[in-house]
Amino acid sequence: MRLTYKRWPHHSTYRRIMETCFDQEEFERLMREFLSQPAQTRQSVVIAIDGKTVRGTISQNDPFGLHLLTA
């Protein structure tokens, strides 16, 4: 199945999430551990990510509003 979204989240969205919501050292350790396993023992995992701007949170002081991200 091929995804046909017209617009994907900007790379800076992913960067911002990774910088503020993850313990970078722990994430790096987990990725290193995962990638060091032989390929046949790895388990495929698909994570769906969805983001929304909370209705009514956009104002003159905060033109971007409050965002919710689920995975």
PDB file of N, CA and C in Angstrom:
ATOM      1  N   MET A   1       0.842  -1.185   0.000  1.00  0.00           N
ATOM      2  CA  MET A   1       0.000   0.000   0.000  1.00  0.00           C
ATOM      3  C   MET A   1       0.885   1.245   0.000  1.00  0.00           C
ATOM      4  N   ARG A   2       0.596   2.162  -0.838  1.00  0.00           N
ATOM      5  CA  ARG A   2       1.382   3.398  -0.938  1.00  0.00           C
ATOM      6  C   ARG A   2       0.573   4.544  -0.333  1.00  0.00           C
ATOM      7  N   LEU A   3       1.210   5.289   0.567  1.00  0.00           N
ATOM      8  CA  LEU A   3       0.551   6.439   1.175  1.00  0.00           C
ATOM      9  C   LEU A   3       0.579   7.603   0.200  1.00  0.00           C
ATOM     10  N   THR A   4      -0.509   8.315   0.110  1.00  0.00           N
ATOM     11  CA  THR A   4      -0.603   9.390  -0.869  1.00  0.00           C
ATOM     12  C   THR A   4      -0.960  10.726  -0.227  1.00  0.00           C
ATOM     13  N   TYR A   5      -0.401  10.991   0.947  1.00  0.00           N
ATOM     14  CA  TYR A   5      -0.654  12.276   1.592  1.00  0.00           C
ATOM     15  C   TYR A   5      -0.110  13.393   0.718  1.00  0.00           C
ATOM     16  N   LYS A   6      -0.852  14.462   0.615  1.00  0.00           N
ATOM     17  CA  LYS A   6      -0.386  15.607  -0.164  1.00  0.00           C
ATOM     18  C   LYS A   6       0.699  16.370   0.578  1.00  0.00           C
ATOM     19  N   ARG A   7       0.640  16.323   1.916  1.00  0.00           N
ATOM     20  CA  ARG A   7       1.610  17.095   2.700  1.00  0.00           C
ATOM     21  C   ARG A   7       1.988  16.327   3.957  1.00  0.00           C
ATOM     22  N   TRP A   8       3.268  16.124   4.172  1.00  0.00           N
ATOM     23  CA  TRP A   8       3.783  15.458   5.364  1.00  0.00           C
ATOM     24  C   TRP A   8       4.210  16.522   6.370  1.00  0.00           C
ATOM     25  N   PRO A   9       4.292  16.166   7.656  1.00  0.00           N
ATOM     26  CA  PRO A   9       4.797  17.133   8.639  1.00  0.00           C
ATOM     27  C   PRO A   9       6.210  17.579   8.252  1.00  0.00           C
ATOM     28  N   HIS A  10       6.500  18.820   8.520  1.00  0.00           N
ATOM     29  CA  HIS A  10       7.805  19.382   8.208  1.00  0.00           C
ATOM     30  C   HIS A  10       8.871  18.706   9.068  1.00  0.00           C
ATOM     31  N   HIS A  11      10.079  18.566   8.538  1.00  0.00           N
ATOM     32  CA  HIS A  11      11.153  17.894   9.287  1.00  0.00           C
ATOM     33  C   HIS A  11      11.429  18.585  10.615  1.00  0.00           C
ATOM     34  N   SER A  12      11.193  19.893  10.682  1.00  0.00           N
ATOM     35  CA  SER A  12      11.446  20.599  11.937  1.00  0.00           C
ATOM     36  C   SER A  12      10.466  20.162  13.029  1.00  0.00           C
ATOM     37  N   THR A  13       9.277  19.686  12.641  1.00  0.00           N
ATOM     38  CA  THR A  13       8.317  19.161  13.620  1.00  0.00           C
ATOM     39  C   THR A  13       8.904  17.931  14.297  1.00  0.00           C
ATOM     40  N   TYR A  14       9.438  17.019  13.500  1.00  0.00           N
ATOM     41  CA  TYR A  14      10.056  15.815  14.070  1.00  0.00           C
ATOM     42  C   TYR A  14      11.268  16.181  14.925  1.00  0.00           C
ATOM     43  N   ARG A  15      12.080  17.125  14.447  1.00  0.00           N
ATOM     44  CA  ARG A  15      13.266  17.540  15.205  1.00  0.00           C
ATOM     45  C   ARG A  15      12.869  18.118  16.554  1.00  0.00           C
ATOM     46  N   ARG A  16      11.861  18.994  16.552  1.00  0.00           N
ATOM     47  CA  ARG A  16      11.409  19.629  17.786  1.00  0.00           C
ATOM     48  C   ARG A  16      10.908  18.579  18.785  1.00  0.00           C
ATOM     49  N   ILE A  17      10.164  17.606  18.295  1.00  0.00           N
ATOM     50  CA  ILE A  17       9.652  16.552  19.169  1.00  0.00           C
ATOM     51  C   ILE A  17      10.804  15.735  19.736  1.00  0.00           C
ATOM     52  N   MET A  18      11.745  15.369  18.892  1.00  0.00           N
ATOM     53  CA  MET A  18      12.874  14.561  19.351  1.00  0.00           C
ATOM     54  C   MET A  18      13.732  15.324  20.362  1.00  0.00           C
ATOM     55  N   GLU A  19      13.866  16.619  20.183  1.00  0.00           N
ATOM     56  CA  GLU A  19      14.697  17.409  21.091  1.00  0.00           C
ATOM     57  C   GLU A  19      14.035  17.649  22.442  1.00  0.00           C
ATOM     58  N   THR A  20      12.720  17.789  22.457  1.00  0.00           N
ATOM     59  CA  THR A  20      12.056  18.189  23.694  1.00  0.00           C
ATOM     60  C   THR A  20      11.358  17.067  24.436  1.00  0.00           C
ATOM     61  N   CYS A  21      11.005  15.988  23.754  1.00  0.00           N
ATOM     62  CA  CYS A  21      10.184  14.944  24.382  1.00  0.00           C
ATOM     63  C   CYS A  21      10.930  13.646  24.640  1.00  0.00           C
ATOM     64  N   PHE A  22      12.152  13.519  24.182  1.00  0.00           N
ATOM     65  CA  PHE A  22      12.901  12.285  24.340  1.00  0.00           C
ATOM     66  C   PHE A  22      14.167  12.546  25.142  1.00  0.00           C
ATOM     67  N   ASP A  23      14.540  11.562  25.946  1.00  0.00           N
ATOM     68  CA  ASP A  23      15.865  11.579  26.560  1.00  0.00           C
ATOM     69  C   ASP A  23      16.822  11.108  25.462  1.00  0.00           C
ATOM     70  N   GLN A  24      17.599  12.018  24.905  1.00  0.00           N
ATOM     71  CA  GLN A  24      18.404  11.710  23.728  1.00  0.00           C
ATOM     72  C   GLN A  24      19.414  10.596  23.976  1.00  0.00           C
ATOM     73  N   GLU A  25      20.025  10.568  25.144  1.00  0.00           N
ATOM     74  CA  GLU A  25      21.001   9.522  25.445  1.00  0.00           C
ATOM     75  C   GLU A  25      20.327   8.155  25.550  1.00  0.00           C
ATOM     76  N   GLU A  26      19.144   8.104  26.159  1.00  0.00           N
ATOM     77  CA  GLU A  26      18.397   6.854  26.276  1.00  0.00           C
ATOM     78  C   GLU A  26      17.931   6.379  24.902  1.00  0.00           C
ATOM     79  N   PHE A  27      17.464   7.295  24.076  1.00  0.00           N
ATOM     80  CA  PHE A  27      17.029   6.946  22.724  1.00  0.00           C
ATOM     81  C   PHE A  27      18.198   6.386  21.920  1.00  0.00           C
ATOM     82  N   GLU A  28      19.350   7.038  22.014  1.00  0.00           N
ATOM     83  CA  GLU A  28      20.537   6.562  21.294  1.00  0.00           C
ATOM     84  C   GLU A  28      20.945   5.178  21.775  1.00  0.00           C
ATOM     85  N   ARG A  29      20.892   4.943  23.092  1.00  0.00           N
ATOM     86  CA  ARG A  29      21.239   3.636  23.642  1.00  0.00           C
ATOM     87  C   ARG A  29      20.291   2.548  23.130  1.00  0.00           C
ATOM     88  N   LEU A  30      18.992   2.851  23.129  1.00  0.00           N
ATOM     89  CA  LEU A  30      18.004   1.884  22.661  1.00  0.00           C
ATOM     90  C   LEU A  30      18.174   1.584  21.164  1.00  0.00           C
ATOM     91  N   MET A  31      18.433   2.610  20.372  1.00  0.00           N
ATOM     92  CA  MET A  31      18.645   2.391  18.935  1.00  0.00           C
ATOM     93  C   MET A  31      19.901   1.568  18.684  1.00  0.00           C
ATOM     94  N   ARG A  32      20.966   1.864  19.420  1.00  0.00           N
ATOM     95  CA  ARG A  32      22.211   1.105  19.270  1.00  0.00           C
ATOM     96  C   ARG A  32      21.970  -0.366  19.620  1.00  0.00           C
ATOM     97  N   GLU A  33      21.229  -0.595  20.709  1.00  0.00           N
ATOM     98  CA  GLU A  33      20.910  -1.955  21.142  1.00  0.00           C
ATOM     99  C   GLU A  33      20.061  -2.677  20.083  1.00  0.00           C
ATOM    100  N   PHE A  34      19.064  -1.994  19.549  1.00  0.00           N
ATOM    101  CA  PHE A  34      18.192  -2.582  18.536  1.00  0.00           C
ATOM    102  C   PHE A  34      18.973  -2.924  17.268  1.00  0.00           C
ATOM    103  N   LEU A  35      19.793  -1.984  16.802  1.00  0.00           N
ATOM    104  CA  LEU A  35      20.515  -2.189  15.551  1.00  0.00           C
ATOM    105  C   LEU A  35      21.651  -3.198  15.672  1.00  0.00           C
ATOM    106  N   SER A  36      22.089  -3.506  16.887  1.00  0.00           N
ATOM    107  CA  SER A  36      23.164  -4.485  17.056  1.00  0.00           C
ATOM    108  C   SER A  36      22.637  -5.916  16.998  1.00  0.00           C
ATOM    109  N   GLN A  37      21.311  -6.095  17.045  1.00  0.00           N
ATOM    110  CA  GLN A  37      20.727  -7.434  16.956  1.00  0.00           C
ATOM    111  C   GLN A  37      20.804  -7.929  15.513  1.00  0.00           C
ATOM    112  N   PRO A  38      20.994  -9.249  15.351  1.00  0.00           N
ATOM    113  CA  PRO A  38      20.930  -9.795  13.984  1.00  0.00           C
ATOM    114  C   PRO A  38      19.560  -9.516  13.368  1.00  0.00           C
ATOM    115  N   ALA A  39      19.529  -9.269  12.078  1.00  0.00           N
ATOM    116  CA  ALA A  39      18.293  -8.866  11.402  1.00  0.00           C
ATOM    117  C   ALA A  39      17.153  -9.863  11.580  1.00  0.00           C
ATOM    118  N   GLN A  40      17.432 -11.166  11.590  1.00  0.00           N
ATOM    119  CA  GLN A  40      16.357 -12.149  11.683  1.00  0.00           C
ATOM    120  C   GLN A  40      15.703 -12.183  13.067  1.00  0.00           C
ATOM    121  N   THR A  41      16.327 -11.601  14.097  1.00  0.00           N
ATOM    122  CA  THR A  41      15.703 -11.595  15.426  1.00  0.00           C
ATOM    123  C   THR A  41      14.920 -10.322  15.693  1.00  0.00           C
ATOM    124  N   ARG A  42      15.025  -9.345  14.810  1.00  0.00           N
ATOM    125  CA  ARG A  42      14.307  -8.096  15.005  1.00  0.00           C
ATOM    126  C   ARG A  42      12.814  -8.293  14.740  1.00  0.00           C
ATOM    127  N   GLN A  43      12.032  -7.537  15.435  1.00  0.00           N
ATOM    128  CA  GLN A  43      10.591  -7.577  15.254  1.00  0.00           C
ATOM    129  C   GLN A  43      10.155  -6.278  14.599  1.00  0.00           C
ATOM    130  N   SER A  44       9.344  -6.385  13.550  1.00  0.00           N
ATOM    131  CA  SER A  44       8.862  -5.186  12.875  1.00  0.00           C
ATOM    132  C   SER A  44       7.797  -4.509  13.723  1.00  0.00           C
ATOM    133  N   VAL A  45       7.917  -3.196  13.836  1.00  0.00           N
ATOM    134  CA  VAL A  45       6.950  -2.414  14.587  1.00  0.00           C
ATOM    135  C   VAL A  45       6.588  -1.195  13.746  1.00  0.00           C
ATOM    136  N   VAL A  46       5.302  -0.955  13.601  1.00  0.00           N
ATOM    137  CA  VAL A  46       4.824   0.225  12.900  1.00  0.00           C
ATOM    138  C   VAL A  46       4.156   1.124  13.925  1.00  0.00           C
ATOM    139  N   ILE A  47       4.567   2.385  13.964  1.00  0.00           N
ATOM    140  CA  ILE A  47       3.987   3.337  14.897  1.00  0.00           C
ATOM    141  C   ILE A  47       3.303   4.425  14.089  1.00  0.00           C
ATOM    142  N   ALA A  48       2.013   4.577  14.291  1.00  0.00           N
ATOM    143  CA  ALA A  48       1.258   5.635  13.617  1.00  0.00           C
ATOM    144  C   ALA A  48       1.370   6.908  14.457  1.00  0.00           C
ATOM    145  N   ILE A  49       1.681   8.011  13.813  1.00  0.00           N
ATOM    146  CA  ILE A  49       1.833   9.291  14.505  1.00  0.00           C
ATOM    147  C   ILE A  49       0.795  10.262  13.946  1.00  0.00           C
ATOM    148  N   ASP A  50       0.104  10.949  14.851  1.00  0.00           N
ATOM    149  CA  ASP A  50      -0.915  11.906  14.439  1.00  0.00           C
ATOM    150  C   ASP A  50      -0.811  13.147  15.321  1.00  0.00           C
ATOM    151  N   GLY A  51      -0.944  14.304  14.742  1.00  0.00           N
ATOM    152  CA  GLY A  51      -0.875  15.537  15.504  1.00  0.00           C
ATOM    153  C   GLY A  51      -2.054  16.440  15.185  1.00  0.00           C
ATOM    154  N   LYS A  52      -2.492  17.160  16.179  1.00  0.00           N
ATOM    155  CA  LYS A  52      -3.619  18.080  16.020  1.00  0.00           C
ATOM    156  C   LYS A  52      -3.350  19.356  16.811  1.00  0.00           C
ATOM    157  N   THR A  53      -3.896  20.454  16.330  1.00  0.00           N
ATOM    158  CA  THR A  53      -3.894  21.696  17.086  1.00  0.00           C
ATOM    159  C   THR A  53      -5.199  21.746  17.865  1.00  0.00           C
ATOM    160  N   VAL A  54      -5.109  21.995  19.176  1.00  0.00           N
ATOM    161  CA  VAL A  54      -6.297  22.021  20.023  1.00  0.00           C
ATOM    162  C   VAL A  54      -7.142  23.234  19.651  1.00  0.00           C
ATOM    163  N   ARG A  55      -8.392  22.978  19.418  1.00  0.00           N
ATOM    164  CA  ARG A  55      -9.310  24.031  18.998  1.00  0.00           C
ATOM    165  C   ARG A  55      -9.410  25.121  20.078  1.00  0.00           C
ATOM    166  N   GLY A  56      -9.366  26.375  19.657  1.00  0.00           N
ATOM    167  CA  GLY A  56      -9.511  27.498  20.572  1.00  0.00           C
ATOM    168  C   GLY A  56      -8.226  27.924  21.257  1.00  0.00           C
ATOM    169  N   THR A  57      -7.082  27.316  20.905  1.00  0.00           N
ATOM    170  CA  THR A  57      -5.834  27.682  21.581  1.00  0.00           C
ATOM    171  C   THR A  57      -4.993  28.664  20.774  1.00  0.00           C
ATOM    172  N   ILE A  58      -5.402  28.999  19.569  1.00  0.00           N
ATOM    173  CA  ILE A  58      -4.666  29.969  18.762  1.00  0.00           C
ATOM    174  C   ILE A  58      -5.144  31.369  19.151  1.00  0.00           C
ATOM    175  N   SER A  59      -4.179  32.224  19.490  1.00  0.00           N
ATOM    176  CA  SER A  59      -4.499  33.590  19.880  1.00  0.00           C
ATOM    177  C   SER A  59      -3.475  34.539  19.267  1.00  0.00           C
ATOM    178  N   GLN A  60      -3.633  35.832  19.513  1.00  0.00           N
ATOM    179  CA  GLN A  60      -2.661  36.795  19.001  1.00  0.00           C
ATOM    180  C   GLN A  60      -1.303  36.587  19.662  1.00  0.00           C
ATOM    181  N   ASN A  61      -1.296  36.196  20.933  1.00  0.00           N
ATOM    182  CA  ASN A  61      -0.035  35.965  21.644  1.00  0.00           C
ATOM    183  C   ASN A  61       0.616  34.645  21.254  1.00  0.00           C
ATOM    184  N   ASP A  62      -0.196  33.659  20.870  1.00  0.00           N
ATOM    185  CA  ASP A  62       0.317  32.343  20.487  1.00  0.00           C
ATOM    186  C   ASP A  62      -0.325  31.931  19.170  1.00  0.00           C
ATOM    187  N   PRO A  63       0.263  32.357  18.041  1.00  0.00           N
ATOM    188  CA  PRO A  63      -0.359  32.093  16.742  1.00  0.00           C
ATOM    189  C   PRO A  63      -0.331  30.626  16.324  1.00  0.00           C
ATOM    190  N   PHE A  64       0.400  29.773  17.056  1.00  0.00           N
ATOM    191  CA  PHE A  64       0.480  28.360  16.701  1.00  0.00           C
ATOM    192  C   PHE A  64      -0.451  27.501  17.548  1.00  0.00           C
ATOM    193  N   GLY A  65      -0.840  27.959  18.718  1.00  0.00           N
ATOM    194  CA  GLY A  65      -1.746  27.208  19.576  1.00  0.00           C
ATOM    195  C   GLY A  65      -1.071  26.029  20.255  1.00  0.00           C
ATOM    196  N   LEU A  66      -1.880  25.255  20.945  1.00  0.00           N
ATOM    197  CA  LEU A  66      -1.408  24.069  21.654  1.00  0.00           C
ATOM    198  C   LEU A  66      -1.560  22.864  20.746  1.00  0.00           C
ATOM    199  N   HIS A  67      -0.495  22.077  20.629  1.00  0.00           N
ATOM    200  CA  HIS A  67      -0.505  20.904  19.756  1.00  0.00           C
ATOM    201  C   HIS A  67      -0.488  19.636  20.588  1.00  0.00           C
ATOM    202  N   LEU A  68      -1.218  18.641  20.121  1.00  0.00           N
ATOM    203  CA  LEU A  68      -1.204  17.311  20.720  1.00  0.00           C
ATOM    204  C   LEU A  68      -0.616  16.342  19.707  1.00  0.00           C
ATOM    205  N   LEU A  69       0.257  15.486  20.158  1.00  0.00           N
ATOM    206  CA  LEU A  69       0.868  14.486  19.297  1.00  0.00           C
ATOM    207  C   LEU A  69       0.625  13.131  19.924  1.00  0.00           C
ATOM    208  N   THR A  70       0.112  12.205  19.139  1.00  0.00           N
ATOM    209  CA  THR A  70      -0.104  10.847  19.630  1.00  0.00           C
ATOM    210  C   THR A  70       0.677   9.883  18.754  1.00  0.00           C
ATOM    211  N   ALA A  71       1.138   8.834  19.392  1.00  0.00           N
ATOM    212  CA  ALA A  71       1.847   7.772  18.672  1.00  0.00           C
ATOM    213  C   ALA A  71       1.323   6.434  19.153  1.00  0.00           C
TER     214      ALA A  71
END
